[in-house]
């Protein structure tokens, strides 16, 4: 019901960007070797989540929502970062509370606990409430991109595609690089094309 309401109420716009993430994948390997991160899961999703939180500082409209009853934009002064997770009971979107205030180590810890709880089917309703922005990772299924539906009460959702080795032009030479696609759906009532494009570009 919530998804239907969102799909047919919010005027969705979706944009894509293709990104060379070779350096990101190298960063992931370096982070894994750090002593303070050895006990947590370090993945490209962690780096993407951090990039989202940094990009949001320049485009705070992404972290707002359109209040239809009041006919006004409501800004959130915190980021509850939702991560869509496939579970035996279906798709759930628990969120990391106040993700913008966490260090990289803390964010990695929270993401690990959140996804582990979701996979065990133990996510509580409070863990899924009051999200402000969502990332959905279709890359884990080998899918390149998608046009995700915005969660109600939010203004945008980012889709993370599969990371693949592909031919890429660097300094006019074709080389093998690790490449992914990011797609961003946003509510055009309070996030216009310029803001959405800027945010997606900043993440990339």
Protein backbone atom coordinates (compact mmCIF):
# COMPACT_ATOMS: atom_id res chain seq x y z
CA UNK A 1 0.00 0.00 0.00
CA UNK A 2 2.82 2.39 0.90
CA UNK A 3 4.66 1.64 -2.34
CA UNK A 4 1.51 2.15 -4.42
CA UNK A 5 0.82 5.43 -2.66
CA UNK A 6 4.37 6.62 -3.30
CA UNK A 7 4.46 5.52 -6.94
CA UNK A 8 1.20 7.25 -7.83
CA UNK A 9 1.52 10.32 -5.59
CA UNK A 10 5.15 11.45 -5.86
CA UNK A 11 6.19 12.59 -9.35
CA UNK A 12 9.24 10.35 -9.72
CA UNK A 13 12.25 11.34 -11.81
CA UNK A 14 15.10 8.86 -12.27
CA UNK A 15 18.62 9.69 -13.46
CA UNK A 16 21.64 7.46 -14.06
CA UNK A 17 25.40 7.87 -13.95
CA UNK A 18 28.05 5.30 -14.94
CA UNK A 19 31.09 5.42 -12.67
CA UNK A 20 34.63 4.06 -12.79
CA UNK A 21 34.94 2.63 -9.27
CA UNK A 22 38.38 1.03 -9.65
CA UNK A 23 39.84 3.40 -7.03
CA UNK A 24 36.85 2.72 -4.75
CA UNK A 25 37.43 -1.02 -4.89
CA UNK A 26 41.12 -0.45 -4.08
CA UNK A 27 40.05 1.73 -1.14
CA UNK A 28 37.79 -1.07 0.12
CA UNK A 29 40.75 -3.45 0.17
CA UNK A 30 42.90 -0.90 2.05
CA UNK A 31 40.13 -0.31 4.59
CA UNK A 32 39.77 -4.05 5.20
CA UNK A 33 43.41 -4.13 6.30
CA UNK A 34 42.97 -1.38 8.89
CA UNK A 35 43.05 -2.65 12.47
CA UNK A 36 39.94 -0.77 13.61
CA UNK A 37 37.88 -2.20 10.73
CA UNK A 38 38.91 -5.86 10.94
CA UNK A 39 35.92 -6.84 13.06
CA UNK A 40 33.29 -5.31 10.74
CA UNK A 41 32.22 -5.85 7.15
CA UNK A 42 33.83 -3.41 4.76
CA UNK A 43 32.20 -3.32 1.33
CA UNK A 44 31.62 -0.95 -1.59
CA UNK A 45 28.20 -0.25 -0.02
CA UNK A 46 29.93 1.27 3.02
CA UNK A 47 31.93 3.66 0.82
CA UNK A 48 28.79 4.53 -1.16
CA UNK A 49 26.85 5.23 2.05
CA UNK A 50 29.63 7.56 3.22
CA UNK A 51 29.62 9.32 -0.16
CA UNK A 52 25.85 9.81 0.09
CA UNK A 53 26.17 11.41 3.53
CA UNK A 54 28.92 13.75 2.33
CA UNK A 55 27.03 14.72 -0.85
CA UNK A 56 23.90 15.47 1.17
CA UNK A 57 25.69 18.32 2.93
CA UNK A 58 25.69 20.30 -0.34
CA UNK A 59 22.16 19.27 -1.31
CA UNK A 60 20.10 19.18 1.93
CA UNK A 61 16.87 19.20 -0.11
CA UNK A 62 17.49 15.49 -0.72
CA UNK A 63 16.94 14.95 3.00
CA UNK A 64 13.62 16.82 3.06
CA UNK A 65 10.13 15.70 2.10
CA UNK A 66 7.01 17.26 0.62
CA UNK A 67 4.20 17.62 3.17
CA UNK A 68 1.17 17.47 0.90
CA UNK A 69 -1.34 18.44 3.60
CA UNK A 70 0.59 21.56 4.58
CA UNK A 71 1.81 22.21 1.02
CA UNK A 72 5.35 22.81 2.20
CA UNK A 73 8.81 21.30 2.21
CA UNK A 74 9.94 19.86 5.56
CA UNK A 75 13.70 19.66 6.13
CA UNK A 76 15.17 16.91 8.30
CA UNK A 77 18.18 17.89 10.41
CA UNK A 78 19.34 14.30 10.79
CA UNK A 79 19.88 11.44 8.35
CA UNK A 80 18.28 8.06 9.04
CA UNK A 81 19.90 6.06 6.26
CA UNK A 82 17.75 3.17 5.04
CA UNK A 83 19.29 0.08 3.43
CA UNK A 84 16.86 -2.12 1.50
CA UNK A 85 17.48 -5.75 2.48
CA UNK A 86 16.13 -8.98 1.02
CA UNK A 87 15.00 -11.31 3.80
CA UNK A 88 13.10 -14.62 4.00
CA UNK A 89 10.00 -12.53 4.76
CA UNK A 90 10.51 -10.25 1.77
CA UNK A 91 11.99 -6.80 1.33
CA UNK A 92 12.51 -4.64 4.43
CA UNK A 93 14.17 -1.24 4.76
CA UNK A 94 15.71 -0.80 8.21
CA UNK A 95 17.63 2.43 8.74
CA UNK A 96 20.72 3.58 10.56
CA UNK A 97 19.63 6.35 12.92
CA UNK A 98 21.64 9.60 12.78
CA UNK A 99 23.99 8.11 10.20
CA UNK A 100 25.39 11.55 9.42
CA UNK A 101 26.91 11.78 12.92
CA UNK A 102 28.78 8.46 12.73
CA UNK A 103 32.44 7.85 11.95
CA UNK A 104 33.32 5.39 9.18
CA UNK A 105 33.98 2.65 11.75
CA UNK A 106 30.67 3.33 13.51
CA UNK A 107 28.82 3.38 10.19
CA UNK A 108 30.37 0.05 9.19
CA UNK A 109 29.36 -1.46 12.54
CA UNK A 110 25.77 -0.19 12.28
CA UNK A 111 25.37 -1.35 8.68
CA UNK A 112 26.67 -4.81 9.58
CA UNK A 113 24.32 -5.19 12.53
CA UNK A 114 21.37 -3.83 10.56
CA UNK A 115 21.76 -6.24 7.64
CA UNK A 116 22.50 -9.24 9.89
CA UNK A 117 19.33 -8.59 11.91
CA UNK A 118 17.30 -8.18 8.72
CA UNK A 119 18.54 -11.48 7.26
CA UNK A 120 17.59 -13.25 10.49
CA UNK A 121 14.07 -11.83 10.12
CA UNK A 122 14.35 -9.97 13.43
CA UNK A 123 14.03 -6.37 12.23
CA UNK A 124 11.71 -4.44 14.54
CA UNK A 125 9.16 -1.86 13.28
CA UNK A 126 11.06 0.93 15.06
CA UNK A 127 14.15 0.06 13.01
CA UNK A 128 12.18 0.73 9.80
CA UNK A 129 10.43 3.91 10.96
CA UNK A 130 11.40 7.52 10.28
CA UNK A 131 13.85 6.89 7.44
CA UNK A 132 14.99 9.97 5.51
CA UNK A 133 16.92 8.45 2.56
CA UNK A 134 17.34 4.92 1.19
CA UNK A 135 19.97 2.95 -0.72
CA UNK A 136 18.92 -0.22 -2.54
CA UNK A 137 21.70 -2.55 -3.68
CA UNK A 138 20.57 -4.53 -6.74
CA UNK A 139 24.18 -5.28 -7.62
CA UNK A 140 24.23 -8.20 -5.18
CA UNK A 141 21.82 -9.92 -7.61
CA UNK A 142 24.01 -9.17 -10.64
CA UNK A 143 21.64 -6.43 -11.83
CA UNK A 144 23.08 -3.30 -13.45
CA UNK A 145 20.49 -0.64 -12.63
CA UNK A 146 16.85 0.08 -11.82
CA UNK A 147 14.24 2.76 -11.26
CA UNK A 148 13.52 2.41 -7.54
CA UNK A 149 10.32 3.69 -5.90
CA UNK A 150 10.80 6.34 -3.22
CA UNK A 151 9.86 5.26 0.29
CA UNK A 152 6.93 7.29 1.69
CA UNK A 153 8.09 10.19 3.83
CA UNK A 154 11.35 10.47 1.88
CA UNK A 155 12.35 12.40 -1.23
CA UNK A 156 14.91 10.16 -2.91
CA UNK A 157 16.32 6.65 -3.21
CA UNK A 158 19.63 5.53 -4.70
CA UNK A 159 20.05 2.27 -6.61
CA UNK A 160 23.53 0.66 -6.57
CA UNK A 161 24.22 -1.64 -9.53
CA UNK A 162 26.66 -4.49 -10.02
CA UNK A 163 30.38 -3.70 -10.21
CA UNK A 164 31.77 -5.21 -13.41
CA UNK A 165 35.10 -5.22 -15.25
CA UNK A 166 34.53 -3.29 -18.48
CA UNK A 167 36.52 -1.49 -21.19
CA UNK A 168 36.93 2.18 -20.22
CA UNK A 169 38.73 5.08 -21.89
CA UNK A 170 41.55 6.58 -19.79
CA UNK A 171 43.82 9.19 -21.43
CA UNK A 172 42.53 8.14 -24.86
CA UNK A 173 43.47 4.51 -24.19
CA UNK A 174 40.98 1.67 -23.72
CA UNK A 175 41.75 -0.15 -20.47
CA UNK A 176 39.96 -2.60 -18.19
CA UNK A 177 38.33 -0.83 -15.24
CA UNK A 178 35.77 -1.73 -12.57
CA UNK A 179 32.56 0.09 -13.43
CA UNK A 180 29.10 0.45 -11.88
CA UNK A 181 25.86 2.32 -12.47
CA UNK A 182 24.09 4.47 -9.91
CA UNK A 183 20.48 5.54 -10.43
CA UNK A 184 18.66 8.09 -8.33
CA UNK A 185 14.86 8.45 -8.13
CA UNK A 186 13.68 11.69 -6.57
CA UNK A 187 10.44 13.55 -5.86
CA UNK A 188 10.24 16.40 -8.36
CA UNK A 189 7.89 18.40 -6.14
CA UNK A 190 10.74 19.48 -3.87
CA UNK A 191 13.89 18.21 -5.62
CA UNK A 192 14.25 19.68 -9.10
CA UNK A 193 16.44 18.27 -11.86
CA UNK A 194 19.39 20.52 -11.06
CA UNK A 195 19.47 19.47 -7.39
CA UNK A 196 19.00 15.79 -8.18
CA UNK A 197 21.72 15.90 -10.84
CA UNK A 198 24.11 17.74 -8.53
CA UNK A 199 23.58 15.20 -5.75
CA UNK A 200 24.10 12.20 -8.04
CA UNK A 201 27.18 13.81 -9.59
CA UNK A 202 28.64 14.52 -6.14
CA UNK A 203 28.16 10.88 -5.09
CA UNK A 204 29.86 9.69 -8.27
